């Protein structure tokens, strides 16, 4: 990832407000803010072995649930609504 510096220098007869406005325009023009916002919440993809391990865990839990269901050892489900 390359860094982009947005640098502005104050002119002789320039006030602080116009300097800030010029800096803001320079930052928007450089495209830094959209790039940072696009990668803000991105996550790395899990590796293949981790995905496989998680899938095996889920399959094992499902198999155990089905066995308990056949044996009738699961607690009864509560229903919503009138009693």
Protein backbone atom coordinates (compact mmCIF):
# COMPACT_ATOMS: atom_id res chain seq x y z
CA UNK A 1 0.00 0.00 0.00
CA UNK A 2 1.55 3.27 -1.04
CA UNK A 3 1.15 6.41 0.99
CA UNK A 4 0.05 9.68 -0.53
CA UNK A 5 1.01 12.91 1.17
CA UNK A 6 -1.21 15.91 0.63
CA UNK A 7 0.92 18.92 1.42
CA UNK A 8 0.03 22.59 1.11
CA UNK A 9 2.05 25.65 2.08
CA UNK A 10 0.55 28.91 3.22
CA UNK A 11 0.82 31.81 0.81
CA UNK A 12 1.75 35.31 2.02
CA UNK A 13 -1.73 36.79 1.95
CA UNK A 14 -3.75 33.63 2.70
CA UNK A 15 -5.80 33.15 5.85
CA UNK A 16 -6.25 29.87 7.77
CA UNK A 17 -9.74 29.13 6.43
CA UNK A 18 -8.67 29.25 2.80
CA UNK A 19 -5.59 27.15 3.63
CA UNK A 20 -7.77 24.48 5.20
CA UNK A 21 -10.16 24.61 2.24
CA UNK A 22 -7.26 24.16 -0.18
CA UNK A 23 -5.89 21.25 1.86
CA UNK A 24 -9.32 19.57 1.93
CA UNK A 25 -9.62 19.84 -1.85
CA UNK A 26 -6.13 18.41 -2.29
CA UNK A 27 -6.96 15.42 -0.06
CA UNK A 28 -10.23 14.76 -1.90
CA UNK A 29 -8.47 14.98 -5.25
CA UNK A 30 -5.78 12.51 -4.23
CA UNK A 31 -8.40 9.78 -3.57
CA UNK A 32 -7.10 8.85 -0.12
CA UNK A 33 -10.45 8.96 1.67
CA UNK A 34 -12.42 6.68 -0.72
CA UNK A 35 -9.58 4.13 -0.72
CA UNK A 36 -9.43 4.04 3.09
CA UNK A 37 -13.21 3.75 3.38
CA UNK A 38 -13.26 0.88 0.88
CA UNK A 39 -10.76 -1.20 2.87
CA UNK A 40 -12.05 -0.17 6.30
CA UNK A 41 -14.06 -3.27 7.16
CA UNK A 42 -12.45 -5.83 4.87
CA UNK A 43 -11.27 -9.05 6.45
CA UNK A 44 -8.76 -11.60 5.32
CA UNK A 45 -10.12 -14.81 3.86
CA UNK A 46 -9.56 -17.80 6.17
CA UNK A 47 -7.12 -20.36 4.86
CA UNK A 48 -8.30 -23.62 3.35
CA UNK A 49 -7.38 -25.87 6.28
CA UNK A 50 -9.22 -23.66 8.78
CA UNK A 51 -12.38 -23.67 6.63
CA UNK A 52 -12.16 -27.46 6.32
CA UNK A 53 -11.72 -27.87 10.09
CA UNK A 54 -14.75 -25.66 10.79
CA UNK A 55 -16.84 -27.63 8.29
CA UNK A 56 -15.90 -30.90 10.01
CA UNK A 57 -16.87 -29.47 13.40
CA UNK A 58 -20.27 -28.41 12.04
CA UNK A 59 -20.83 -31.84 10.49
CA UNK A 60 -19.98 -33.52 13.79
CA UNK A 61 -22.34 -31.28 15.74
CA UNK A 62 -25.12 -31.94 13.22
CA UNK A 63 -24.58 -35.71 13.45
CA UNK A 64 -24.71 -35.57 17.25
CA UNK A 65 -27.92 -33.49 17.13
CA UNK A 66 -29.58 -35.97 14.78
CA UNK A 67 -28.63 -38.85 17.07
CA UNK A 68 -30.09 -37.08 20.12
CA UNK A 69 -33.22 -36.29 18.12
CA UNK A 70 -33.69 -39.96 17.21
CA UNK A 71 -33.24 -41.02 20.81
CA UNK A 72 -35.72 -38.38 21.98
CA UNK A 73 -33.26 -36.71 24.34
CA UNK A 74 -33.67 -33.15 23.07
CA UNK A 75 -35.61 -30.66 25.20
CA UNK A 76 -38.99 -29.62 23.88
CA UNK A 77 -39.13 -26.41 21.88
CA UNK A 78 -41.02 -23.53 23.42
CA UNK A 79 -43.71 -22.09 21.17
CA UNK A 80 -44.51 -18.41 21.01
CA UNK A 81 -48.06 -17.16 21.20
CA UNK A 82 -51.03 -18.03 23.38
CA UNK A 83 -50.73 -20.55 26.17
